[in-house]
N, C-alpha and C. Protein backbone atom coordinates (compact mmCIF):
# COMPACT_ATOMS: atom_id res chain seq x y z
N MET A 1 1.08 -1.10 -0.01
CA MET A 1 -0.02 0.02 0.12
C MET A 1 0.70 1.36 -0.07
N SER A 2 0.31 1.64 -0.52
CA SER A 2 1.40 3.25 -1.17
C SER A 2 0.53 4.77 0.16
N LEU A 3 1.31 5.42 0.09
CA LEU A 3 0.49 6.54 1.36
C LEU A 3 0.36 7.59 0.18
N ASP A 4 -0.39 7.90 -0.65
CA ASP A 4 -0.89 8.45 -1.64
C ASP A 4 -1.71 9.61 -0.51
N LYS A 5 -2.35 10.47 -1.35
CA LYS A 5 -3.62 11.16 -0.81
C LYS A 5 -4.75 10.30 -0.54
N ASP A 6 -5.24 9.31 -1.62
CA ASP A 6 -6.32 8.55 -1.96
C ASP A 6 -6.33 7.22 -0.71
N ASN A 7 -5.44 6.40 -0.52
CA ASN A 7 -5.46 5.77 0.14
C ASN A 7 -5.79 6.56 1.61
N LEU A 8 -4.60 7.50 2.36
CA LEU A 8 -4.99 8.35 3.16
C LEU A 8 -6.46 8.40 4.03
N THR A 9 -7.08 9.59 2.22
CA THR A 9 -8.25 9.70 2.78
C THR A 9 -9.35 8.49 3.08
N LYS A 10 -9.12 7.17 2.05
CA LYS A 10 -9.66 5.87 2.47
C LYS A 10 -9.67 5.34 3.85
N TYR A 11 -8.29 5.68 4.35
CA TYR A 11 -8.41 4.55 5.79
C TYR A 11 -8.41 5.80 7.03
N ALA A 12 -8.58 6.84 6.73
CA ALA A 12 -8.69 8.09 7.89
C ALA A 12 -9.78 7.75 8.71
N ASN A 13 -9.29 7.71 9.95
CA ASN A 13 -9.82 7.32 11.02
C ASN A 13 -10.67 5.65 11.17
N LYS A 14 -9.37 5.27 10.86
CA LYS A 14 -9.43 3.71 11.03
C LYS A 14 -8.39 2.67 12.01
N PHE A 15 -8.14 1.98 11.95
CA PHE A 15 -6.74 1.38 12.79
C PHE A 15 -6.28 0.44 11.37
N LEU A 16 -5.11 0.58 10.94
CA LEU A 16 -4.11 -0.31 10.17
C LEU A 16 -3.41 -1.40 11.30
N VAL A 17 -3.66 -2.76 10.83
CA VAL A 17 -3.11 -3.53 11.38
C VAL A 17 -1.98 -4.16 10.85
N HIS A 18 -0.75 -4.26 11.24
CA HIS A 18 0.19 -5.03 10.36
C HIS A 18 1.10 -5.96 11.29
N ASN A 19 1.01 -7.07 10.74
CA ASN A 19 1.89 -8.06 11.83
C ASN A 19 3.05 -8.23 10.80
N ASP A 20 3.98 -7.33 11.24
CA ASP A 20 5.53 -8.12 10.87
C ASP A 20 6.29 -7.44 11.82
N TYR A 21 7.78 -8.14 11.58
CA TYR A 21 8.79 -7.51 12.27
C TYR A 21 9.90 -6.73 11.44
N CYS A 22 8.85 -5.42 11.06
CA CYS A 22 9.68 -4.47 10.46
C CYS A 22 10.78 -3.55 11.12
N GLN A 23 11.57 -4.12 11.44
CA GLN A 23 12.61 -3.33 12.43
C GLN A 23 13.59 -2.85 12.07
N SER A 24 13.95 -2.39 10.49
CA SER A 24 15.19 -1.85 9.55
C SER A 24 14.12 -0.86 9.29
N GLU A 25 14.81 0.42 9.29
CA GLU A 25 14.67 1.39 8.65
C GLU A 25 14.52 1.56 7.14
N THR A 26 14.81 0.43 6.39
CA THR A 26 14.98 -0.06 4.92
C THR A 26 13.35 -0.06 5.07
N PHE A 27 12.74 -1.00 5.53
CA PHE A 27 11.42 -1.17 5.19
C PHE A 27 10.61 0.15 4.70
N PHE A 28 10.78 1.48 5.45
CA PHE A 28 10.02 2.71 5.98
C PHE A 28 10.73 3.93 4.74
N GLU A 29 12.42 4.03 4.44
CA GLU A 29 12.26 4.78 3.70
C GLU A 29 11.85 5.23 2.68
N PRO A 30 11.08 4.67 1.55
CA PRO A 30 10.43 4.86 0.83
C PRO A 30 9.19 6.10 1.13
N TYR A 31 8.72 5.94 2.12
CA TYR A 31 7.64 6.62 3.67
C TYR A 31 8.01 7.27 4.13
N LYS A 32 9.20 7.87 4.13
CA LYS A 32 9.73 8.65 5.38
C LYS A 32 9.15 10.03 5.41
N GLU A 33 8.85 10.85 4.37
CA GLU A 33 8.22 11.98 4.58
C GLU A 33 6.94 11.84 4.90
N ASP A 34 6.31 10.78 4.21
CA ASP A 34 4.78 10.27 4.63
C ASP A 34 4.42 10.49 5.93
N ILE A 35 5.41 9.51 6.69
CA ILE A 35 5.05 8.67 8.12
C ILE A 35 5.19 10.15 8.61
N LYS A 36 6.94 11.07 8.50
CA LYS A 36 6.78 12.39 9.40
C LYS A 36 5.45 13.42 9.56
N ARG A 37 5.26 13.16 8.09
CA ARG A 37 3.80 14.76 7.97
C ARG A 37 2.72 13.83 8.94
N ILE A 38 2.28 12.46 8.40
CA ILE A 38 1.28 11.87 9.05
C ILE A 38 0.96 12.18 10.62
N PHE A 39 2.49 11.57 11.41
CA PHE A 39 2.41 11.78 12.66
C PHE A 39 2.80 12.83 13.17
N LYS A 40 2.84 13.99 12.82
CA LYS A 40 3.75 15.24 13.10
C LYS A 40 2.27 15.88 14.47
N PRO A 41 2.79 16.35 15.09
CA PRO A 41 1.43 16.26 16.00
C PRO A 41 1.14 17.68 15.72
N ASP A 42 -0.16 18.18 16.10
CA ASP A 42 -0.79 19.42 16.08
C ASP A 42 -0.34 19.94 17.21
N ILE A 43 0.46 21.09 16.87
CA ILE A 43 0.93 21.78 17.97
C ILE A 43 -0.12 22.20 18.78
N GLY A 44 -1.52 23.34 18.15
CA GLY A 44 -2.76 23.57 19.07
C GLY A 44 -3.44 22.95 19.89
N LYS A 45 -3.62 21.53 19.44
CA LYS A 45 -4.35 20.40 19.96
C LYS A 45 -3.52 20.04 21.83
N LEU A 46 -2.17 20.50 22.17
CA LEU A 46 -1.07 19.75 22.70
C LEU A 46 -2.07 20.60 23.91
N SER A 47 -1.93 19.50 25.07
CA SER A 47 -2.44 19.72 26.90
C SER A 47 -1.08 20.43 27.07
N PRO A 48 -1.90 21.41 27.79
CA PRO A 48 -0.80 22.52 28.51
C PRO A 48 0.19 21.94 29.51
N GLN A 49 0.33 20.55 29.81
CA GLN A 49 1.50 20.06 30.32
C GLN A 49 2.48 19.68 28.92
N ALA A 50 1.83 19.52 28.28
CA ALA A 50 2.74 18.93 27.10
C ALA A 50 3.45 20.37 26.30
N GLN A 51 2.49 21.24 26.41
CA GLN A 51 3.13 22.40 25.59
C GLN A 51 4.72 23.30 26.23
N GLU A 52 3.89 22.57 27.69
CA GLU A 52 5.15 22.83 28.87
C GLU A 52 6.92 22.29 27.95
N TRP A 53 6.65 21.10 28.09
CA TRP A 53 7.57 19.86 27.94
C TRP A 53 8.37 20.49 26.53
N LYS A 54 7.27 21.26 25.40
CA LYS A 54 7.57 21.50 24.21
C LYS A 54 8.65 22.91 24.42
N VAL A 55 8.41 23.77 25.00
CA VAL A 55 9.12 24.66 25.57
C VAL A 55 10.45 24.21 25.97
N LYS A 56 10.41 23.55 27.02
CA LYS A 56 11.95 22.92 27.29
C LYS A 56 12.45 22.30 26.81
N ILE A 57 11.94 21.54 25.34
CA ILE A 57 12.92 20.75 24.69
C ILE A 57 13.06 21.71 23.16
N GLU A 58 12.50 22.92 23.25
CA GLU A 58 13.15 23.71 22.58
C GLU A 58 14.20 24.81 23.10
N ARG A 59 14.05 24.88 24.31
CA ARG A 59 15.24 25.41 25.01
C ARG A 59 16.77 24.66 25.43
N THR A 60 16.20 23.50 24.98
CA THR A 60 17.52 22.20 25.39
C THR A 60 18.34 22.45 24.39
N ILE A 61 17.58 22.61 23.43
CA ILE A 61 17.88 22.30 21.75
C ILE A 61 18.43 23.95 21.65
N ALA A 62 18.25 24.70 21.82
CA ALA A 62 18.78 26.00 22.17
C ALA A 62 20.04 26.12 22.27
N LYS A 63 20.39 25.53 23.29
CA LYS A 63 21.21 25.86 24.04
C LYS A 63 22.46 24.48 23.81
N GLY A 64 22.34 23.91 22.70
CA GLY A 64 23.45 23.48 21.67
C GLY A 64 22.74 21.66 22.24
N LYS A 65 22.31 21.45 23.25
CA LYS A 65 22.42 20.01 23.66
C LYS A 65 21.20 18.76 22.89
N VAL A 66 21.05 18.14 23.29
CA VAL A 66 20.36 16.91 22.15
C VAL A 66 19.65 16.16 23.31
N PRO A 67 17.82 16.71 23.17
CA PRO A 67 17.00 16.26 23.87
C PRO A 67 17.11 14.77 24.04
N VAL A 68 16.81 13.78 24.96
CA VAL A 68 16.16 12.26 24.74
C VAL A 68 15.69 11.75 24.99
N GLY A 69 14.17 10.86 24.58
CA GLY A 69 13.61 10.34 25.17
C GLY A 69 13.74 8.87 25.10
N ILE A 70 13.71 8.63 26.48
CA ILE A 70 13.44 6.53 26.40
C ILE A 70 12.45 6.15 26.98
N HIS A 71 11.76 5.33 26.19
CA HIS A 71 10.43 4.30 26.18
C HIS A 71 11.03 3.36 26.44
N VAL A 72 10.60 2.88 27.65
CA VAL A 72 10.12 1.58 28.42
C VAL A 72 9.35 0.75 28.25
N ARG A 73 9.98 -0.45 27.49
CA ARG A 73 8.58 -1.54 27.38
C ARG A 73 8.21 -2.04 28.60
N ARG A 74 7.07 -1.79 29.06
CA ARG A 74 7.00 -3.00 30.29
C ARG A 74 6.40 -4.07 30.45
N GLY A 75 5.00 -3.93 29.26
CA GLY A 75 3.75 -4.83 29.66
C GLY A 75 4.26 -6.15 29.44
N ASP A 76 4.39 -6.49 27.84
CA ASP A 76 4.99 -8.02 27.90
C ASP A 76 6.68 -8.60 27.77
N PHE A 77 6.99 -7.67 27.81
CA PHE A 77 8.56 -8.00 27.82
C PHE A 77 8.71 -8.03 29.12
N GLY A 78 8.05 -7.62 30.03
CA GLY A 78 7.84 -7.36 31.49
C GLY A 78 7.43 -9.28 32.64
N THR A 79 6.51 -9.58 31.60
CA THR A 79 5.59 -10.80 32.06
C THR A 79 6.08 -12.35 30.69
N SER A 80 6.87 -12.11 29.74
CA SER A 80 6.76 -12.89 28.64
C SER A 80 7.98 -14.10 29.36
N LYS A 81 7.60 -15.08 29.17
CA LYS A 81 8.93 -16.04 29.20
C LYS A 81 9.80 -15.97 27.99
N GLN A 82 9.36 -15.54 27.08
CA GLN A 82 10.18 -15.73 26.10
C GLN A 82 11.39 -14.32 26.32
N PHE A 83 11.33 -13.29 27.05
CA PHE A 83 11.98 -12.09 27.27
C PHE A 83 12.58 -12.39 28.47
N ASN A 84 12.52 -13.28 29.43
CA ASN A 84 12.86 -13.30 30.90
C ASN A 84 13.21 -15.16 31.15
N LYS A 85 14.14 -15.15 30.17
CA LYS A 85 15.14 -17.02 30.61
C LYS A 85 16.11 -16.71 31.31
């Protein structure tokens, strides 16, 4: 499926399920700009807390520092026997 305008309209407000382990950016490179555009947050809809964080991040960048975010996946990795041998 390409990410052209017709497909985006067709699938608007629907969940797409993709069952695969595409863990290399090579799979997504052709769609890089589309993905960035689709998932770009609407700044006007940010909660007050998110707006505060946005300002903090922008200040960090302005100081020449690199902000880093870490997502710790705890659910299935914490309870799965496959990942806790």
